[in-house]
Every structure is written in structure tokens, then in C-alpha cells.
Amino acid sequence: MLLATCSTATCSLLTATCYLNNLYLIGLPGSGKTTIGRRLAAHLGWEFRDLDVDIAAQSGQTIPEIFAAEGEAGFRQREAAALRAVALRPGPPLVLATGGGTPCFHDNLAVLHQTGFTLWLDVPVPELVRRLAHSHSTRPLLAASEPSETPEKVLFDRLSRTLAAREWFYAQARLRHAGAATVAAVVAALAQAGFDPA
């Protein structure tokens, strides 16, 4: 895992050319980034984007196909480029659901901080297991389960390891929301944390 850093040149470029009021949702798979993100965007009257959807559209491949063809390193390069394209685009602010690993690689965390407000949707691992166990997900993190263990056990172990590896990055968010995943609760938490969508 690469430590997120920001060079002076990168930071200068970002602050000079980007819209600084985007709202970025970060967190583990299944934490509700896409679901809550869509609802928040509708509430704010903003555009909603999902970074994984953007990557798939740009490449003409699904995320699992990219992982299979290029490995994680290739995917992470594509992810960093897609994030910069969204963050540096001209226009009004938007809500972006990032991939679960987005803040943990390259200078992505710096890009997120320089161009918007980061919100960590912190959901307990047992709840994530409940949400994902029967989702028939094609997420790379959840692929190829062990035949000798239940899907729930495999999910719990993988998500626990993933959280341990990513928690430091997630904890750099401007706001950690571990409460109810409703638009009203998230909007109230954002307001308390000083997020001003105006």
C-alpha cells in the first residue's frame, strides 16, 4: 500500500484549478457510499458520480476484468487518473463515491483533501458482512472465497484485514460518520463538521 502524499507542485496545481467544495465519500465496500451518495446529491441538487463506474466506462471493462488483465497496480493507476479527472474538472461541485481503496494509494488522499470535503462512512464489519453476504457482488475484495469456510466467515476475515490496512487513511477524513445512514443524519453531521454546500 502506498502512503498518500502531496507534492508542492501537485497541491499548487490543484488549488489553482479545481472546485474545492466537492463531497467525497470514503469507506469499506458495502458502507453505503453509492447509496448515500446518490441521496445526498439529490438532497443538495448536485451531480453524483461513482468512481468505479467512471473507471469502467473509460476503460470499456468491468472492474474485475481490469484486475484480471492489469492486476491491482494497473487498476490503481487507472483509479488515480480517474480521480484527478473528476477532481480537476471545471464546473459545479459534486458528490463522489470513491472505491474502498481510493484514499490509500498514490497521492489520492491529498487530491481528495485539496479538492473537497471527505466523509468516512464507518460501518462495523459485522454489518458490512450482513449487507454483502448475499449480494452476489463482483467486488475484487470479495472474490474467490475459501470452500472450507462459510461466505460470512470469509467476508468477516477479509473485511477485518482490509479495515486494519486502510483505517489510518480513512481516519484522515474531515468527518467520520458512524451513525444512522440516512440523508438527514449525514446532512446534520456534515453541518456540525462545518461542511458548507453553498
N, C-alpha and C. Protein backbone atom coordinates (compact mmCIF):
# COMPACT_ATOMS: atom_id res chain seq x y z
N MET A 1 0.84 -1.17 0.00
CA MET A 1 0.00 0.00 0.00
C MET A 1 0.89 1.23 0.00
N LEU A 2 0.58 2.20 -0.86
CA LEU A 2 1.41 3.39 -0.98
C LEU A 2 0.88 4.48 -0.07
N LEU A 3 1.76 5.12 0.66
CA LEU A 3 1.37 6.22 1.51
C LEU A 3 0.93 7.39 0.65
N ALA A 4 -0.22 7.95 0.98
CA ALA A 4 -0.72 9.09 0.24
C ALA A 4 0.12 10.32 0.56
N THR A 5 0.64 10.97 -0.45
CA THR A 5 1.44 12.17 -0.26
C THR A 5 1.02 13.21 -1.27
N CYS A 6 1.43 14.43 -1.05
CA CYS A 6 1.11 15.50 -1.97
C CYS A 6 2.35 16.36 -2.18
N SER A 7 2.84 16.40 -3.39
CA SER A 7 3.98 17.27 -3.67
C SER A 7 3.51 18.72 -3.74
N THR A 8 4.43 19.64 -3.55
CA THR A 8 4.07 21.06 -3.62
C THR A 8 3.49 21.40 -4.98
N ALA A 9 4.08 20.85 -6.04
CA ALA A 9 3.57 21.12 -7.39
C ALA A 9 2.15 20.62 -7.56
N THR A 10 1.88 19.41 -7.05
CA THR A 10 0.53 18.86 -7.16
C THR A 10 -0.46 19.74 -6.42
N CYS A 11 -0.13 20.13 -5.18
CA CYS A 11 -1.04 20.94 -4.38
C CYS A 11 -1.29 22.29 -5.04
N SER A 12 -0.25 22.92 -5.58
CA SER A 12 -0.42 24.21 -6.24
C SER A 12 -1.33 24.07 -7.45
N LEU A 13 -1.12 23.03 -8.23
CA LEU A 13 -1.95 22.79 -9.40
C LEU A 13 -3.40 22.61 -8.99
N LEU A 14 -3.62 21.80 -7.96
CA LEU A 14 -4.98 21.52 -7.53
C LEU A 14 -5.68 22.78 -7.04
N THR A 15 -5.04 23.54 -6.16
CA THR A 15 -5.72 24.70 -5.60
C THR A 15 -5.93 25.77 -6.65
N ALA A 16 -5.10 25.80 -7.67
CA ALA A 16 -5.25 26.83 -8.70
C ALA A 16 -6.37 26.51 -9.69
N THR A 17 -6.71 25.26 -9.87
CA THR A 17 -7.58 24.93 -11.00
C THR A 17 -8.86 24.17 -10.65
N CYS A 18 -9.06 23.77 -9.42
CA CYS A 18 -10.17 22.87 -9.16
C CYS A 18 -11.29 23.54 -8.37
N TYR A 19 -12.40 22.86 -8.32
CA TYR A 19 -13.51 23.27 -7.49
C TYR A 19 -13.31 22.63 -6.13
N LEU A 20 -13.25 23.45 -5.07
CA LEU A 20 -12.83 22.95 -3.76
C LEU A 20 -13.97 22.49 -2.87
N ASN A 21 -15.17 22.39 -3.37
CA ASN A 21 -16.30 22.08 -2.50
C ASN A 21 -16.94 20.73 -2.80
N ASN A 22 -16.25 19.85 -3.52
CA ASN A 22 -16.80 18.52 -3.76
C ASN A 22 -16.98 17.78 -2.44
N LEU A 23 -17.87 16.81 -2.44
CA LEU A 23 -18.06 15.95 -1.27
C LEU A 23 -17.67 14.54 -1.67
N TYR A 24 -16.66 14.00 -1.00
CA TYR A 24 -16.12 12.68 -1.31
C TYR A 24 -16.49 11.69 -0.20
N LEU A 25 -17.09 10.57 -0.57
CA LEU A 25 -17.43 9.53 0.39
C LEU A 25 -16.39 8.43 0.31
N ILE A 26 -15.82 8.08 1.47
CA ILE A 26 -14.83 7.02 1.54
C ILE A 26 -15.29 5.98 2.56
N GLY A 27 -14.75 4.77 2.46
CA GLY A 27 -15.09 3.71 3.40
C GLY A 27 -15.00 2.35 2.73
N LEU A 28 -15.19 1.33 3.54
CA LEU A 28 -15.10 -0.05 3.05
C LEU A 28 -16.22 -0.37 2.07
N PRO A 29 -16.05 -1.42 1.26
CA PRO A 29 -17.14 -1.89 0.40
C PRO A 29 -18.37 -2.21 1.25
N GLY A 30 -19.53 -1.79 0.75
CA GLY A 30 -20.77 -2.06 1.46
C GLY A 30 -21.13 -1.02 2.50
N SER A 31 -20.30 0.02 2.64
CA SER A 31 -20.57 1.03 3.67
C SER A 31 -21.67 2.01 3.27
N GLY A 32 -22.10 1.97 2.02
CA GLY A 32 -23.20 2.82 1.59
C GLY A 32 -22.77 4.04 0.81
N LYS A 33 -21.53 4.04 0.31
CA LYS A 33 -21.03 5.22 -0.39
C LYS A 33 -21.89 5.58 -1.61
N THR A 34 -22.26 4.58 -2.39
CA THR A 34 -23.07 4.85 -3.57
C THR A 34 -24.51 5.18 -3.19
N THR A 35 -25.10 4.40 -2.31
CA THR A 35 -26.49 4.61 -1.92
C THR A 35 -26.67 5.97 -1.25
N ILE A 36 -25.86 6.24 -0.23
CA ILE A 36 -25.96 7.52 0.48
C ILE A 36 -25.52 8.66 -0.44
N GLY A 37 -24.50 8.40 -1.25
CA GLY A 37 -24.02 9.44 -2.16
C GLY A 37 -25.10 9.92 -3.11
N ARG A 38 -25.84 9.00 -3.69
CA ARG A 38 -26.94 9.38 -4.59
C ARG A 38 -27.97 10.23 -3.86
N ARG A 39 -28.32 9.80 -2.65
CA ARG A 39 -29.34 10.52 -1.89
C ARG A 39 -28.84 11.91 -1.46
N LEU A 40 -27.57 11.98 -1.05
CA LEU A 40 -27.01 13.28 -0.68
C LEU A 40 -26.98 14.22 -1.88
N ALA A 41 -26.57 13.70 -3.02
CA ALA A 41 -26.52 14.53 -4.23
C ALA A 41 -27.90 15.06 -4.58
N ALA A 42 -28.91 14.20 -4.49
CA ALA A 42 -30.28 14.64 -4.77
C ALA A 42 -30.71 15.72 -3.78
N HIS A 43 -30.37 15.52 -2.51
CA HIS A 43 -30.72 16.50 -1.46
C HIS A 43 -30.05 17.85 -1.73
N LEU A 44 -28.79 17.82 -2.15
CA LEU A 44 -28.03 19.05 -2.39
C LEU A 44 -28.31 19.66 -3.76
N GLY A 45 -28.93 18.87 -4.66
CA GLY A 45 -29.11 19.32 -6.03
C GLY A 45 -27.82 19.28 -6.83
N TRP A 46 -26.92 18.37 -6.45
CA TRP A 46 -25.63 18.23 -7.10
C TRP A 46 -25.60 16.98 -7.97
N GLU A 47 -24.61 16.93 -8.86
CA GLU A 47 -24.35 15.72 -9.64
C GLU A 47 -23.77 14.64 -8.72
N PHE A 48 -24.10 13.39 -9.02
CA PHE A 48 -23.50 12.26 -8.31
C PHE A 48 -22.66 11.47 -9.29
N ARG A 49 -21.46 11.05 -8.85
CA ARG A 49 -20.61 10.17 -9.65
C ARG A 49 -20.10 9.05 -8.77
N ASP A 50 -19.88 7.91 -9.38
CA ASP A 50 -19.27 6.75 -8.72
C ASP A 50 -17.95 6.50 -9.43
N LEU A 51 -16.84 6.56 -8.71
CA LEU A 51 -15.53 6.47 -9.34
C LEU A 51 -15.33 5.14 -10.07
N ASP A 52 -15.80 4.04 -9.49
CA ASP A 52 -15.66 2.74 -10.17
C ASP A 52 -16.44 2.72 -11.48
N VAL A 53 -17.60 3.34 -11.52
CA VAL A 53 -18.39 3.42 -12.75
C VAL A 53 -17.63 4.23 -13.80
N ASP A 54 -17.02 5.34 -13.36
CA ASP A 54 -16.22 6.15 -14.29
C ASP A 54 -15.05 5.35 -14.87
N ILE A 55 -14.36 4.61 -14.00
CA ILE A 55 -13.21 3.81 -14.45
C ILE A 55 -13.65 2.76 -15.47
N ALA A 56 -14.74 2.07 -15.18
CA ALA A 56 -15.25 1.05 -16.09
C ALA A 56 -15.66 1.67 -17.43
N ALA A 57 -16.32 2.82 -17.38
CA ALA A 57 -16.75 3.47 -18.62
C ALA A 57 -15.55 3.92 -19.46
N GLN A 58 -14.53 4.46 -18.80
CA GLN A 58 -13.35 4.93 -19.52
C GLN A 58 -12.56 3.78 -20.15
N SER A 59 -12.54 2.64 -19.47
CA SER A 59 -11.73 1.51 -19.94
C SER A 59 -12.50 0.57 -20.86
N GLY A 60 -13.83 0.61 -20.79
CA GLY A 60 -14.63 -0.35 -21.54
C GLY A 60 -14.59 -1.75 -20.94
N GLN A 61 -14.14 -1.85 -19.68
CA GLN A 61 -14.06 -3.13 -18.98
C GLN A 61 -14.70 -3.00 -17.60
N THR A 62 -15.12 -4.12 -17.05
CA THR A 62 -15.58 -4.11 -15.67
C THR A 62 -14.37 -4.02 -14.74
N ILE A 63 -14.62 -3.69 -13.49
CA ILE A 63 -13.51 -3.62 -12.52
C ILE A 63 -12.83 -4.99 -12.38
N PRO A 64 -13.60 -6.11 -12.24
CA PRO A 64 -12.92 -7.42 -12.18
C PRO A 64 -12.09 -7.72 -13.43
N GLU A 65 -12.56 -7.29 -14.61
CA GLU A 65 -11.79 -7.50 -15.84
C GLU A 65 -10.48 -6.71 -15.81
N ILE A 66 -10.52 -5.49 -15.29
CA ILE A 66 -9.30 -4.69 -15.19
C ILE A 66 -8.32 -5.36 -14.23
N PHE A 67 -8.82 -5.82 -13.08
CA PHE A 67 -7.95 -6.51 -12.12
C PHE A 67 -7.33 -7.75 -12.76
N ALA A 68 -8.13 -8.51 -13.52
CA ALA A 68 -7.63 -9.74 -14.14
C ALA A 68 -6.57 -9.44 -15.20
N ALA A 69 -6.78 -8.39 -15.99
CA ALA A 69 -5.88 -8.08 -17.09
C ALA A 69 -4.64 -7.31 -16.65
N GLU A 70 -4.79 -6.41 -15.68
CA GLU A 70 -3.71 -5.48 -15.34
C GLU A 70 -3.21 -5.62 -13.91
N GLY A 71 -3.88 -6.45 -13.11
CA GLY A 71 -3.52 -6.56 -11.70
C GLY A 71 -3.96 -5.33 -10.92
N GLU A 72 -3.73 -5.39 -9.62
CA GLU A 72 -4.15 -4.26 -8.79
C GLU A 72 -3.38 -2.99 -9.13
N ALA A 73 -2.08 -3.13 -9.45
CA ALA A 73 -1.28 -1.94 -9.77
C ALA A 73 -1.85 -1.19 -10.97
N GLY A 74 -2.24 -1.93 -12.00
CA GLY A 74 -2.84 -1.30 -13.18
C GLY A 74 -4.15 -0.62 -12.85
N PHE A 75 -4.97 -1.31 -12.05
CA PHE A 75 -6.24 -0.70 -11.64
C PHE A 75 -5.99 0.58 -10.84
N ARG A 76 -5.04 0.56 -9.92
CA ARG A 76 -4.79 1.73 -9.07
C ARG A 76 -4.30 2.92 -9.90
N GLN A 77 -3.53 2.65 -10.96
CA GLN A 77 -3.12 3.73 -11.86
C GLN A 77 -4.34 4.35 -12.54
N ARG A 78 -5.23 3.50 -13.03
CA ARG A 78 -6.45 3.99 -13.67
C ARG A 78 -7.30 4.78 -12.67
N GLU A 79 -7.38 4.26 -11.45
CA GLU A 79 -8.18 4.91 -10.41
C GLU A 79 -7.65 6.31 -10.10
N ALA A 80 -6.33 6.43 -9.95
CA ALA A 80 -5.73 7.74 -9.66
C ALA A 80 -6.00 8.73 -10.79
N ALA A 81 -5.88 8.26 -12.03
CA ALA A 81 -6.15 9.14 -13.18
C ALA A 81 -7.61 9.56 -13.23
N ALA A 82 -8.52 8.62 -12.96
CA ALA A 82 -9.95 8.94 -12.97
C ALA A 82 -10.30 9.92 -11.86
N LEU A 83 -9.70 9.74 -10.69
CA LEU A 83 -9.97 10.66 -9.58
C LEU A 83 -9.52 12.07 -9.93
N ARG A 84 -8.32 12.20 -10.47
CA ARG A 84 -7.82 13.52 -10.85
C ARG A 84 -8.71 14.16 -11.91
N ALA A 85 -9.19 13.35 -12.86
CA ALA A 85 -10.07 13.89 -13.90
C ALA A 85 -11.35 14.47 -13.30
N VAL A 86 -11.91 13.78 -12.33
CA VAL A 86 -13.13 14.27 -11.68
C VAL A 86 -12.81 15.48 -10.81
N ALA A 87 -11.76 15.39 -10.01
CA ALA A 87 -11.43 16.45 -9.06
C ALA A 87 -11.03 17.75 -9.75
N LEU A 88 -10.37 17.66 -10.90
CA LEU A 88 -9.86 18.84 -11.59
C LEU A 88 -10.78 19.35 -12.69
N ARG A 89 -11.94 18.73 -12.84
CA ARG A 89 -12.83 19.17 -13.90
C ARG A 89 -13.42 20.53 -13.56
N PRO A 90 -13.70 21.35 -14.57
CA PRO A 90 -14.39 22.61 -14.29
C PRO A 90 -15.86 22.33 -14.01
N GLY A 91 -16.50 23.25 -13.34
CA GLY A 91 -17.94 23.09 -13.12
C GLY A 91 -18.31 23.08 -11.66
N PRO A 92 -19.60 22.89 -11.41
CA PRO A 92 -20.10 22.94 -10.03
C PRO A 92 -19.66 21.72 -9.22
N PRO A 93 -19.81 21.80 -7.90
CA PRO A 93 -19.40 20.68 -7.05
C PRO A 93 -20.26 19.46 -7.28
N LEU A 94 -19.73 18.32 -6.87
CA LEU A 94 -20.46 17.06 -6.99
C LEU A 94 -20.22 16.19 -5.77
N VAL A 95 -21.00 15.13 -5.68
CA VAL A 95 -20.79 14.09 -4.67
C VAL A 95 -20.16 12.91 -5.39
N LEU A 96 -19.04 12.41 -4.87
CA LEU A 96 -18.34 11.28 -5.49
C LEU A 96 -18.21 10.13 -4.51
N ALA A 97 -18.72 8.97 -4.90
CA ALA A 97 -18.47 7.73 -4.15
C ALA A 97 -17.15 7.17 -4.67
N THR A 98 -16.15 7.10 -3.81
CA THR A 98 -14.86 6.57 -4.20
C THR A 98 -14.86 5.05 -4.04
N GLY A 99 -13.85 4.41 -4.60
CA GLY A 99 -13.65 2.99 -4.32
C GLY A 99 -13.13 2.82 -2.90
N GLY A 100 -13.29 1.63 -2.35
CA GLY A 100 -12.86 1.40 -0.98
C GLY A 100 -11.39 1.67 -0.74
N GLY A 101 -10.54 1.42 -1.74
CA GLY A 101 -9.11 1.63 -1.58
C GLY A 101 -8.61 2.96 -2.09
N THR A 102 -9.48 3.77 -2.68
CA THR A 102 -9.04 5.01 -3.33
C THR A 102 -8.13 5.87 -2.46
N PRO A 103 -8.48 6.15 -1.19
CA PRO A 103 -7.63 7.07 -0.41
C PRO A 103 -6.26 6.51 -0.05
N CYS A 104 -6.05 5.23 -0.28
CA CYS A 104 -4.86 4.54 0.24
C CYS A 104 -3.71 4.46 -0.74
N PHE A 105 -3.86 4.95 -1.95
CA PHE A 105 -2.86 4.75 -2.98
C PHE A 105 -2.48 6.07 -3.64
N HIS A 106 -1.22 6.11 -4.11
CA HIS A 106 -0.67 7.25 -4.84
C HIS A 106 -0.88 8.53 -4.02
N ASP A 107 -1.23 9.63 -4.67
CA ASP A 107 -1.49 10.87 -3.92
C ASP A 107 -2.99 11.13 -3.83
N ASN A 108 -3.78 10.07 -3.90
CA ASN A 108 -5.24 10.23 -3.92
C ASN A 108 -5.78 10.95 -2.69
N LEU A 109 -5.26 10.63 -1.52
CA LEU A 109 -5.76 11.27 -0.31
C LEU A 109 -5.52 12.77 -0.36
N ALA A 110 -4.36 13.17 -0.83
CA ALA A 110 -4.07 14.60 -0.98
C ALA A 110 -5.01 15.25 -1.99
N VAL A 111 -5.27 14.58 -3.09
CA VAL A 111 -6.19 15.11 -4.10
C VAL A 111 -7.58 15.30 -3.48
N LEU A 112 -8.03 14.32 -2.72
CA LEU A 112 -9.34 14.42 -2.08
C LEU A 112 -9.39 15.63 -1.13
N HIS A 113 -8.36 15.77 -0.30
CA HIS A 113 -8.35 16.87 0.67
C HIS A 113 -8.22 18.24 0.00
N GLN A 114 -7.47 18.29 -1.09
CA GLN A 114 -7.26 19.58 -1.76
C GLN A 114 -8.47 20.04 -2.56
N THR A 115 -9.36 19.12 -2.90
CA THR A 115 -10.45 19.48 -3.82
C THR A 115 -11.84 19.27 -3.23
N GLY A 116 -11.93 19.00 -1.95
CA GLY A 116 -13.26 18.83 -1.38
C GLY A 116 -13.24 18.40 0.07
N PHE A 117 -14.37 17.93 0.51
CA PHE A 117 -14.62 17.53 1.90
C PHE A 117 -14.76 16.01 1.91
N THR A 118 -13.98 15.33 2.74
CA THR A 118 -14.02 13.87 2.80
C THR A 118 -14.87 13.40 3.96
N LEU A 119 -15.75 12.47 3.67
CA LEU A 119 -16.66 11.90 4.66
C LEU A 119 -16.46 10.39 4.69
N TRP A 120 -16.03 9.88 5.85
CA TRP A 120 -15.83 8.44 6.04
C TRP A 120 -17.12 7.84 6.58
N LEU A 121 -17.73 6.95 5.82
CA LEU A 121 -18.89 6.19 6.29
C LEU A 121 -18.33 4.97 7.01
N ASP A 122 -18.29 5.03 8.32
CA ASP A 122 -17.67 4.00 9.15
C ASP A 122 -18.76 3.04 9.64
N VAL A 123 -18.81 1.89 9.02
CA VAL A 123 -19.83 0.88 9.33
C VAL A 123 -19.12 -0.32 9.96
N PRO A 124 -19.63 -0.86 11.07
CA PRO A 124 -18.98 -2.02 11.70
C PRO A 124 -18.90 -3.22 10.75
N VAL A 125 -17.82 -3.97 10.86
CA VAL A 125 -17.60 -5.12 9.97
C VAL A 125 -18.77 -6.11 10.00
N PRO A 126 -19.34 -6.47 11.17
CA PRO A 126 -20.47 -7.41 11.14
C PRO A 126 -21.65 -6.90 10.30
N GLU A 127 -21.88 -5.59 10.32
CA GLU A 127 -22.96 -5.03 9.50
C GLU A 127 -22.60 -5.09 8.02
N LEU A 128 -21.34 -4.85 7.68
CA LEU A 128 -20.91 -4.98 6.29
C LEU A 128 -21.09 -6.41 5.80
N VAL A 129 -20.75 -7.38 6.65
CA VAL A 129 -20.93 -8.80 6.29
C VAL A 129 -22.40 -9.07 6.01
N ARG A 130 -23.27 -8.56 6.88
CA ARG A 130 -24.71 -8.77 6.68
C ARG A 130 -25.16 -8.20 5.33
N ARG A 131 -24.66 -7.02 5.00
CA ARG A 131 -25.06 -6.38 3.74
C ARG A 131 -24.52 -7.10 2.51
N LEU A 132 -23.29 -7.61 2.62
CA LEU A 132 -22.61 -8.14 1.43
C LEU A 132 -22.73 -9.65 1.25
N ALA A 133 -23.08 -10.38 2.30
CA ALA A 133 -23.03 -11.85 2.25
C ALA A 133 -23.88 -12.44 1.13
N HIS A 134 -24.99 -11.83 0.84
CA HIS A 134 -25.89 -12.39 -0.17
C HIS A 134 -26.07 -11.44 -1.35
N SER A 135 -25.08 -10.58 -1.57
CA SER A 135 -25.24 -9.56 -2.61
C SER A 135 -24.79 -10.03 -3.99
N HIS A 136 -24.16 -11.20 -4.08
CA HIS A 136 -23.62 -11.69 -5.36
C HIS A 136 -22.69 -10.64 -5.97
N SER A 137 -21.89 -10.04 -5.11
CA SER A 137 -21.03 -8.94 -5.53
C SER A 137 -19.88 -9.43 -6.40
N THR A 138 -19.46 -8.57 -7.33
CA THR A 138 -18.27 -8.85 -8.15
C THR A 138 -17.10 -7.99 -7.70
N ARG A 139 -17.16 -7.46 -6.48
CA ARG A 139 -16.07 -6.63 -5.97
C ARG A 139 -14.80 -7.48 -5.85
N PRO A 140 -13.65 -6.96 -6.29
CA PRO A 140 -12.41 -7.74 -6.20
C PRO A 140 -12.09 -8.22 -4.79
N LEU A 141 -12.37 -7.38 -3.80
CA LEU A 141 -12.08 -7.74 -2.41
C LEU A 141 -12.83 -9.00 -1.99
N LEU A 142 -13.99 -9.25 -2.59
CA LEU A 142 -14.85 -10.32 -2.13
C LEU A 142 -14.81 -11.56 -3.03
N ALA A 143 -13.91 -11.58 -3.99
CA ALA A 143 -13.86 -12.70 -4.93
C ALA A 143 -13.15 -13.90 -4.34
N ALA A 144 -13.40 -15.06 -4.92
CA ALA A 144 -12.68 -16.32 -4.62
C ALA A 144 -12.69 -16.68 -3.15
N SER A 145 -13.86 -17.04 -2.65
CA SER A 145 -13.95 -17.43 -1.24
C SER A 145 -13.40 -18.84 -1.02
N GLU A 146 -13.03 -19.13 0.20
CA GLU A 146 -12.49 -20.43 0.58
C GLU A 146 -13.63 -21.45 0.64
N PRO A 147 -13.51 -22.61 -0.01
CA PRO A 147 -14.60 -23.58 0.02
C PRO A 147 -14.85 -24.18 1.39
N SER A 148 -13.84 -24.18 2.26
CA SER A 148 -13.99 -24.82 3.57
C SER A 148 -14.63 -23.89 4.61
N GLU A 149 -14.84 -22.63 4.28
CA GLU A 149 -15.41 -21.69 5.23
C GLU A 149 -16.71 -21.11 4.69
N THR A 150 -17.56 -20.66 5.60
CA THR A 150 -18.80 -20.03 5.17
C THR A 150 -18.48 -18.69 4.50
N PRO A 151 -19.33 -18.25 3.58
CA PRO A 151 -19.10 -16.94 2.95
C PRO A 151 -19.03 -15.82 3.99
N GLU A 152 -19.84 -15.94 5.03
CA GLU A 152 -19.84 -14.91 6.07
C GLU A 152 -18.49 -14.84 6.80
N LYS A 153 -17.91 -16.00 7.09
CA LYS A 153 -16.61 -16.05 7.77
C LYS A 153 -15.52 -15.47 6.88
N VAL A 154 -15.55 -15.84 5.61
CA VAL A 154 -14.56 -15.31 4.66
C VAL A 154 -14.69 -13.80 4.57
N LEU A 155 -15.93 -13.32 4.44
CA LEU A 155 -16.16 -11.88 4.36
C LEU A 155 -15.67 -11.17 5.61
N PHE A 156 -16.01 -11.72 6.78
CA PHE A 156 -15.61 -11.10 8.04
C PHE A 156 -14.09 -10.98 8.12
N ASP A 157 -13.39 -12.06 7.80
CA ASP A 157 -11.93 -12.06 7.87
C ASP A 157 -11.32 -11.06 6.89
N ARG A 158 -11.81 -11.07 5.66
CA ARG A 158 -11.26 -10.17 4.64
C ARG A 158 -11.53 -8.71 4.97
N LEU A 159 -12.76 -8.43 5.36
CA LEU A 159 -13.10 -7.04 5.69
C LEU A 159 -12.34 -6.55 6.91
N SER A 160 -12.15 -7.43 7.89
CA SER A 160 -11.38 -7.05 9.08
C SER A 160 -9.93 -6.73 8.71
N ARG A 161 -9.32 -7.56 7.87
CA ARG A 161 -7.94 -7.31 7.43
C ARG A 161 -7.87 -6.02 6.60
N THR A 162 -8.85 -5.85 5.74
CA THR A 162 -8.86 -4.66 4.89
C THR A 162 -9.01 -3.40 5.72
N LEU A 163 -9.90 -3.44 6.71
CA LEU A 163 -10.07 -2.28 7.58
C LEU A 163 -8.77 -1.98 8.33
N ALA A 164 -8.11 -3.00 8.83
CA ALA A 164 -6.86 -2.78 9.56
C ALA A 164 -5.83 -2.09 8.66
N ALA A 165 -5.79 -2.45 7.39
CA ALA A 165 -4.82 -1.86 6.46
C ALA A 165 -5.20 -0.45 6.03
N ARG A 166 -6.50 -0.16 6.00
CA ARG A 166 -6.95 1.12 5.45
C ARG A 166 -7.39 2.14 6.49
N GLU A 167 -7.53 1.72 7.72
CA GLU A 167 -8.15 2.60 8.72
C GLU A 167 -7.40 3.92 8.90
N TRP A 168 -6.07 3.87 8.85
CA TRP A 168 -5.30 5.12 9.00
C TRP A 168 -5.70 6.12 7.93
N PHE A 169 -5.86 5.66 6.70
CA PHE A 169 -6.23 6.55 5.60
C PHE A 169 -7.64 7.08 5.78
N TYR A 170 -8.57 6.18 6.13
CA TYR A 170 -9.95 6.61 6.35
C TYR A 170 -10.02 7.64 7.47
N ALA A 171 -9.21 7.46 8.49
CA ALA A 171 -9.25 8.36 9.65
C ALA A 171 -8.76 9.77 9.32
N GLN A 172 -8.19 9.97 8.15
CA GLN A 172 -7.78 11.31 7.73
C GLN A 172 -8.95 12.12 7.19
N ALA A 173 -10.12 11.52 7.07
CA ALA A 173 -11.30 12.22 6.55
C ALA A 173 -11.64 13.41 7.44
N ARG A 174 -12.23 14.42 6.84
CA ARG A 174 -12.68 15.58 7.63
C ARG A 174 -13.77 15.18 8.61
N LEU A 175 -14.58 14.19 8.25
CA LEU A 175 -15.67 13.75 9.12
C LEU A 175 -15.79 12.24 9.07
N ARG A 176 -15.86 11.63 10.24
CA ARG A 176 -16.15 10.20 10.37
C ARG A 176 -17.60 10.09 10.82
N HIS A 177 -18.43 9.43 10.02
CA HIS A 177 -19.84 9.26 10.37
C HIS A 177 -20.10 7.79 10.66
N ALA A 178 -20.39 7.49 11.93
CA ALA A 178 -20.67 6.12 12.34
C ALA A 178 -22.12 5.98 12.78
N GLY A 179 -22.91 7.00 12.51
CA GLY A 179 -24.31 6.98 12.94
C GLY A 179 -25.22 6.40 11.88
N ALA A 180 -26.49 6.74 12.00
CA ALA A 180 -27.50 6.23 11.06
C ALA A 180 -27.17 6.69 9.65
N ALA A 181 -27.34 5.78 8.71
CA ALA A 181 -27.03 6.08 7.31
C ALA A 181 -28.26 6.62 6.61
N THR A 182 -28.80 7.71 7.14
CA THR A 182 -29.91 8.40 6.49
C THR A 182 -29.40 9.75 6.01
N VAL A 183 -30.06 10.30 5.00
CA VAL A 183 -29.63 11.59 4.50
C VAL A 183 -29.72 12.65 5.60
N ALA A 184 -30.80 12.62 6.38
CA ALA A 184 -30.95 13.63 7.44
C ALA A 184 -29.81 13.54 8.44
N ALA A 185 -29.44 12.32 8.85
CA ALA A 185 -28.37 12.16 9.83
C ALA A 185 -27.03 12.60 9.26
N VAL A 186 -26.77 12.25 8.01
CA VAL A 186 -25.49 12.61 7.40
C VAL A 186 -25.42 14.12 7.17
N VAL A 187 -26.51 14.72 6.71
CA VAL A 187 -26.54 16.17 6.49
C VAL A 187 -26.30 16.91 7.80
N ALA A 188 -26.94 16.44 8.88
CA ALA A 188 -26.75 17.07 10.19
C ALA A 188 -25.30 16.94 10.64
N ALA A 189 -24.70 15.77 10.45
CA ALA A 189 -23.30 15.56 10.84
C ALA A 189 -22.38 16.45 10.01
N LEU A 190 -22.65 16.57 8.72
CA LEU A 190 -21.84 17.43 7.85
C LEU A 190 -21.92 18.88 8.30
N ALA A 191 -23.12 19.34 8.63
CA ALA A 191 -23.29 20.72 9.08
C ALA A 191 -22.51 20.97 10.37
N GLN A 192 -22.58 20.02 11.30
CA GLN A 192 -21.84 20.16 12.56
C GLN A 192 -20.33 20.21 12.32
N ALA A 193 -19.88 19.51 11.29
CA ALA A 193 -18.45 19.46 10.98
C ALA A 193 -17.98 20.66 10.15
N GLY A 194 -18.90 21.55 9.81
CA GLY A 194 -18.53 22.75 9.08
C GLY A 194 -18.61 22.66 7.58
N PHE A 195 -19.23 21.61 7.06
CA PHE A 195 -19.39 21.50 5.60
C PHE A 195 -20.44 22.49 5.14
N ASP A 196 -20.06 23.36 4.22
CA ASP A 196 -20.98 24.38 3.70
C ASP A 196 -21.17 24.15 2.21
N PRO A 197 -22.32 23.62 1.80
CA PRO A 197 -22.52 23.33 0.38
C PRO A 197 -22.78 24.56 -0.47
N ALA A 198 -22.92 25.72 0.14
CA ALA A 198 -23.24 26.93 -0.62
C ALA A 198 -22.05 27.39 -1.46
